[in-house]
Amino acid sequence: MPSIGERNDELMDGLAQRVKEHRKLRNLTQHGLAEVSGVSREVICNLELGRLQSISLDNAIKLSDGLRIPLSALAPQAGHSADEALADARQKLAAIQRVLSA
């Protein structure tokens, strides 16, 4: 069983991956996300680089609002690792892109 610290690292890594993926899907730079969310570019950069051990609920809400996604989209899915959730999201996106390009 992972320790609390290891679990927190896993959660933060997953959150960072989801923020970065949604930011790129919206064609936003870190600076652009900072502008639309009100979260500093430094916090976004440090989050994506895995340098943060925690993030405030306020900043998580601001990021989800700036990305125009529900806060739950940044949370890990029950029973799925962050990698599995990311793979699921990529499959769904690919399916949507196929439909749109048909």
N, C-alpha and C. Protein backbone atom coordinates (compact mmCIF):
# COMPACT_ATOMS: atom_id res chain seq x y z
N MET A 1 0.85 -1.18 0.00
CA MET A 1 0.00 0.00 0.00
C MET A 1 0.90 1.24 0.00
N PRO A 2 0.60 2.23 -0.87
CA PRO A 2 1.44 3.42 -0.90
C PRO A 2 1.28 4.25 0.36
N SER A 3 2.34 4.95 0.70
CA SER A 3 2.27 5.85 1.85
C SER A 3 1.45 7.08 1.48
N ILE A 4 1.10 7.86 2.49
CA ILE A 4 0.33 9.09 2.24
C ILE A 4 1.11 10.01 1.32
N GLY A 5 2.41 10.14 1.54
CA GLY A 5 3.22 10.99 0.67
C GLY A 5 3.26 10.50 -0.76
N GLU A 6 3.39 9.17 -0.94
CA GLU A 6 3.39 8.61 -2.29
C GLU A 6 2.05 8.81 -2.97
N ARG A 7 0.97 8.64 -2.23
CA ARG A 7 -0.38 8.83 -2.78
C ARG A 7 -0.57 10.28 -3.19
N ASN A 8 -0.09 11.21 -2.37
CA ASN A 8 -0.21 12.63 -2.69
C ASN A 8 0.58 12.94 -3.96
N ASP A 9 1.78 12.37 -4.08
CA ASP A 9 2.58 12.59 -5.29
C ASP A 9 1.83 12.09 -6.52
N GLU A 10 1.22 10.92 -6.41
CA GLU A 10 0.47 10.34 -7.52
C GLU A 10 -0.71 11.24 -7.90
N LEU A 11 -1.42 11.75 -6.89
CA LEU A 11 -2.57 12.63 -7.15
C LEU A 11 -2.13 13.93 -7.81
N MET A 12 -1.04 14.51 -7.30
CA MET A 12 -0.55 15.76 -7.87
C MET A 12 -0.03 15.55 -9.29
N ASP A 13 0.65 14.41 -9.54
CA ASP A 13 1.12 14.12 -10.89
C ASP A 13 -0.06 13.99 -11.85
N GLY A 14 -1.11 13.31 -11.40
CA GLY A 14 -2.31 13.16 -12.23
C GLY A 14 -2.98 14.50 -12.51
N LEU A 15 -3.08 15.33 -11.48
CA LEU A 15 -3.67 16.66 -11.63
C LEU A 15 -2.84 17.47 -12.63
N ALA A 16 -1.54 17.42 -12.48
CA ALA A 16 -0.65 18.17 -13.38
C ALA A 16 -0.84 17.72 -14.83
N GLN A 17 -0.91 16.40 -15.04
CA GLN A 17 -1.10 15.87 -16.39
C GLN A 17 -2.42 16.34 -16.99
N ARG A 18 -3.48 16.31 -16.17
CA ARG A 18 -4.79 16.71 -16.69
C ARG A 18 -4.85 18.21 -16.99
N VAL A 19 -4.24 19.02 -16.14
CA VAL A 19 -4.21 20.47 -16.41
C VAL A 19 -3.46 20.72 -17.71
N LYS A 20 -2.29 20.11 -17.86
CA LYS A 20 -1.48 20.33 -19.05
C LYS A 20 -2.21 19.85 -20.31
N GLU A 21 -2.81 18.67 -20.22
CA GLU A 21 -3.53 18.15 -21.39
C GLU A 21 -4.69 19.06 -21.79
N HIS A 22 -5.51 19.47 -20.83
CA HIS A 22 -6.65 20.34 -21.15
C HIS A 22 -6.17 21.71 -21.62
N ARG A 23 -5.06 22.19 -21.06
CA ARG A 23 -4.51 23.48 -21.50
C ARG A 23 -4.10 23.38 -22.97
N LYS A 24 -3.44 22.31 -23.33
CA LYS A 24 -3.00 22.14 -24.72
C LYS A 24 -4.18 21.92 -25.66
N LEU A 25 -5.20 21.20 -25.20
CA LEU A 25 -6.40 21.01 -26.02
C LEU A 25 -7.07 22.34 -26.33
N ARG A 26 -6.95 23.29 -25.44
CA ARG A 26 -7.52 24.62 -25.64
C ARG A 26 -6.54 25.57 -26.32
N ASN A 27 -5.39 25.03 -26.73
CA ASN A 27 -4.35 25.86 -27.38
C ASN A 27 -3.95 27.05 -26.53
N LEU A 28 -3.81 26.79 -25.23
CA LEU A 28 -3.39 27.85 -24.31
C LEU A 28 -1.95 27.63 -23.88
N THR A 29 -1.20 28.69 -23.79
CA THR A 29 0.11 28.63 -23.15
C THR A 29 -0.11 28.70 -21.65
N GLN A 30 0.95 28.48 -20.89
CA GLN A 30 0.82 28.65 -19.44
C GLN A 30 0.43 30.08 -19.12
N HIS A 31 1.00 31.02 -19.85
CA HIS A 31 0.66 32.43 -19.64
C HIS A 31 -0.82 32.69 -19.97
N GLY A 32 -1.29 32.10 -21.06
CA GLY A 32 -2.69 32.27 -21.45
C GLY A 32 -3.63 31.69 -20.41
N LEU A 33 -3.30 30.50 -19.87
CA LEU A 33 -4.12 29.92 -18.82
C LEU A 33 -4.09 30.78 -17.58
N ALA A 34 -2.94 31.35 -17.28
CA ALA A 34 -2.84 32.24 -16.12
C ALA A 34 -3.78 33.44 -16.29
N GLU A 35 -3.82 33.99 -17.49
CA GLU A 35 -4.68 35.14 -17.75
C GLU A 35 -6.16 34.81 -17.60
N VAL A 36 -6.59 33.67 -18.14
CA VAL A 36 -8.02 33.35 -18.10
C VAL A 36 -8.47 32.77 -16.77
N SER A 37 -7.51 32.22 -16.00
CA SER A 37 -7.89 31.58 -14.74
C SER A 37 -7.65 32.44 -13.51
N GLY A 38 -6.70 33.35 -13.60
CA GLY A 38 -6.33 34.13 -12.42
C GLY A 38 -5.33 33.42 -11.52
N VAL A 39 -4.81 32.28 -11.97
CA VAL A 39 -3.76 31.55 -11.25
C VAL A 39 -2.43 31.97 -11.88
N SER A 40 -1.44 32.26 -11.06
CA SER A 40 -0.18 32.75 -11.61
C SER A 40 0.48 31.73 -12.52
N ARG A 41 1.22 32.24 -13.50
CA ARG A 41 1.94 31.37 -14.42
C ARG A 41 2.95 30.52 -13.66
N GLU A 42 3.54 31.07 -12.61
CA GLU A 42 4.51 30.33 -11.82
C GLU A 42 3.87 29.10 -11.17
N VAL A 43 2.66 29.26 -10.64
CA VAL A 43 1.96 28.13 -10.02
C VAL A 43 1.66 27.08 -11.09
N ILE A 44 1.19 27.51 -12.25
CA ILE A 44 0.87 26.58 -13.33
C ILE A 44 2.12 25.85 -13.78
N CYS A 45 3.20 26.58 -13.98
CA CYS A 45 4.47 25.99 -14.39
C CYS A 45 4.96 24.97 -13.36
N ASN A 46 4.97 25.37 -12.09
CA ASN A 46 5.44 24.47 -11.04
C ASN A 46 4.54 23.24 -10.90
N LEU A 47 3.25 23.42 -11.09
CA LEU A 47 2.32 22.29 -11.05
C LEU A 47 2.66 21.30 -12.16
N GLU A 48 2.77 21.80 -13.39
CA GLU A 48 3.03 20.93 -14.53
C GLU A 48 4.40 20.26 -14.45
N LEU A 49 5.35 20.89 -13.79
CA LEU A 49 6.69 20.30 -13.65
C LEU A 49 6.81 19.38 -12.43
N GLY A 50 5.72 19.23 -11.68
CA GLY A 50 5.74 18.35 -10.53
C GLY A 50 6.43 18.92 -9.32
N ARG A 51 6.53 20.22 -9.25
CA ARG A 51 7.22 20.87 -8.14
C ARG A 51 6.32 21.22 -6.96
N LEU A 52 5.01 21.07 -7.14
CA LEU A 52 4.07 21.40 -6.06
C LEU A 52 3.66 20.14 -5.32
N GLN A 53 3.57 20.24 -4.02
CA GLN A 53 3.11 19.12 -3.21
C GLN A 53 1.61 19.21 -2.94
N SER A 54 1.05 20.39 -3.15
CA SER A 54 -0.38 20.59 -2.96
C SER A 54 -0.82 21.80 -3.76
N ILE A 55 -2.13 21.91 -3.89
CA ILE A 55 -2.72 23.08 -4.56
C ILE A 55 -3.99 23.42 -3.80
N SER A 56 -4.26 24.69 -3.68
CA SER A 56 -5.46 25.10 -2.94
C SER A 56 -6.71 24.77 -3.75
N LEU A 57 -7.80 24.54 -3.06
CA LEU A 57 -9.07 24.30 -3.74
C LEU A 57 -9.44 25.50 -4.59
N ASP A 58 -9.17 26.69 -4.09
CA ASP A 58 -9.45 27.92 -4.84
C ASP A 58 -8.72 27.92 -6.18
N ASN A 59 -7.43 27.57 -6.17
CA ASN A 59 -6.68 27.54 -7.44
C ASN A 59 -7.15 26.41 -8.35
N ALA A 60 -7.53 25.28 -7.78
CA ALA A 60 -8.05 24.18 -8.60
C ALA A 60 -9.34 24.60 -9.29
N ILE A 61 -10.20 25.29 -8.57
CA ILE A 61 -11.46 25.79 -9.15
C ILE A 61 -11.17 26.81 -10.24
N LYS A 62 -10.24 27.72 -9.98
CA LYS A 62 -9.88 28.73 -10.98
C LYS A 62 -9.33 28.08 -12.24
N LEU A 63 -8.50 27.05 -12.07
CA LEU A 63 -7.95 26.35 -13.24
C LEU A 63 -9.06 25.66 -14.03
N SER A 64 -9.96 24.99 -13.34
CA SER A 64 -11.04 24.31 -14.06
C SER A 64 -11.93 25.33 -14.77
N ASP A 65 -12.20 26.46 -14.11
CA ASP A 65 -13.00 27.50 -14.77
C ASP A 65 -12.27 28.06 -15.99
N GLY A 66 -10.97 28.32 -15.84
CA GLY A 66 -10.18 28.85 -16.96
C GLY A 66 -10.11 27.88 -18.13
N LEU A 67 -10.09 26.59 -17.82
CA LEU A 67 -10.06 25.57 -18.86
C LEU A 67 -11.46 25.22 -19.38
N ARG A 68 -12.47 25.77 -18.72
CA ARG A 68 -13.88 25.53 -19.06
C ARG A 68 -14.23 24.04 -18.98
N ILE A 69 -13.79 23.45 -17.89
CA ILE A 69 -14.11 22.04 -17.61
C ILE A 69 -14.60 21.95 -16.16
N PRO A 70 -15.38 20.92 -15.85
CA PRO A 70 -15.80 20.77 -14.45
C PRO A 70 -14.59 20.42 -13.57
N LEU A 71 -14.65 20.84 -12.34
CA LEU A 71 -13.58 20.53 -11.40
C LEU A 71 -13.33 19.03 -11.34
N SER A 72 -14.37 18.25 -11.47
CA SER A 72 -14.23 16.79 -11.41
C SER A 72 -13.33 16.24 -12.53
N ALA A 73 -13.20 16.98 -13.63
CA ALA A 73 -12.33 16.53 -14.72
C ALA A 73 -10.86 16.57 -14.33
N LEU A 74 -10.54 17.33 -13.29
CA LEU A 74 -9.16 17.40 -12.82
C LEU A 74 -8.88 16.35 -11.75
N ALA A 75 -9.93 15.77 -11.20
CA ALA A 75 -9.77 14.77 -10.13
C ALA A 75 -9.57 13.40 -10.73
N PRO A 76 -8.85 12.53 -10.02
CA PRO A 76 -8.69 11.17 -10.53
C PRO A 76 -10.01 10.43 -10.51
N GLN A 77 -10.21 9.56 -11.47
CA GLN A 77 -11.43 8.77 -11.54
C GLN A 77 -11.30 7.60 -10.58
N ALA A 78 -12.36 7.32 -9.87
CA ALA A 78 -12.35 6.21 -8.91
C ALA A 78 -12.00 4.92 -9.62
N GLY A 79 -11.05 4.20 -9.04
CA GLY A 79 -10.66 2.92 -9.59
C GLY A 79 -9.70 3.00 -10.77
N HIS A 80 -9.32 4.21 -11.16
CA HIS A 80 -8.40 4.38 -12.28
C HIS A 80 -7.17 5.13 -11.80
N SER A 81 -6.04 4.74 -12.32
CA SER A 81 -4.83 5.51 -12.07
C SER A 81 -4.88 6.75 -12.97
N ALA A 82 -4.01 7.69 -12.71
CA ALA A 82 -3.94 8.89 -13.54
C ALA A 82 -3.61 8.52 -14.98
N ASP A 83 -2.73 7.53 -15.17
CA ASP A 83 -2.37 7.12 -16.53
C ASP A 83 -3.56 6.51 -17.26
N GLU A 84 -4.36 5.71 -16.55
CA GLU A 84 -5.54 5.10 -17.17
C GLU A 84 -6.56 6.18 -17.53
N ALA A 85 -6.74 7.15 -16.65
CA ALA A 85 -7.69 8.23 -16.92
C ALA A 85 -7.23 9.05 -18.12
N LEU A 86 -5.93 9.29 -18.23
CA LEU A 86 -5.39 10.03 -19.36
C LEU A 86 -5.57 9.25 -20.66
N ALA A 87 -5.33 7.96 -20.61
CA ALA A 87 -5.52 7.12 -21.80
C ALA A 87 -6.99 7.12 -22.22
N ASP A 88 -7.90 7.04 -21.25
CA ASP A 88 -9.34 7.09 -21.56
C ASP A 88 -9.70 8.42 -22.22
N ALA A 89 -9.18 9.51 -21.69
CA ALA A 89 -9.47 10.83 -22.25
C ALA A 89 -8.94 10.94 -23.68
N ARG A 90 -7.75 10.41 -23.92
CA ARG A 90 -7.18 10.47 -25.27
C ARG A 90 -8.01 9.65 -26.25
N GLN A 91 -8.50 8.49 -25.82
CA GLN A 91 -9.35 7.67 -26.69
C GLN A 91 -10.64 8.40 -27.03
N LYS A 92 -11.24 9.03 -26.04
CA LYS A 92 -12.49 9.78 -26.28
C LYS A 92 -12.23 10.94 -27.22
N LEU A 93 -11.13 11.64 -27.04
CA LEU A 93 -10.79 12.77 -27.91
C LEU A 93 -10.57 12.29 -29.35
N ALA A 94 -9.86 11.18 -29.50
CA ALA A 94 -9.61 10.65 -30.84
C ALA A 94 -10.93 10.28 -31.53
N ALA A 95 -11.86 9.70 -30.79
CA ALA A 95 -13.17 9.35 -31.35
C ALA A 95 -13.92 10.60 -31.79
N ILE A 96 -13.88 11.63 -30.98
CA ILE A 96 -14.54 12.90 -31.33
C ILE A 96 -13.90 13.51 -32.57
N GLN A 97 -12.56 13.48 -32.63
CA GLN A 97 -11.87 14.04 -33.79
C GLN A 97 -12.22 13.27 -35.06
N ARG A 98 -12.36 11.94 -34.97
CA ARG A 98 -12.74 11.14 -36.15
C ARG A 98 -14.12 11.53 -36.63
N VAL A 99 -15.05 11.73 -35.71
CA VAL A 99 -16.41 12.11 -36.07
C VAL A 99 -16.42 13.48 -36.74
N LEU A 100 -15.66 14.41 -36.18
CA LEU A 100 -15.64 15.77 -36.72
C LEU A 100 -14.98 15.86 -38.08
N SER A 101 -14.02 14.97 -38.34
CA SER A 101 -13.32 15.03 -39.63
C SER A 101 -13.99 14.19 -40.70
N ALA A 102 -15.03 13.45 -40.33
CA ALA A 102 -15.71 12.59 -41.32
C ALA A 102 -16.65 13.38 -42.19
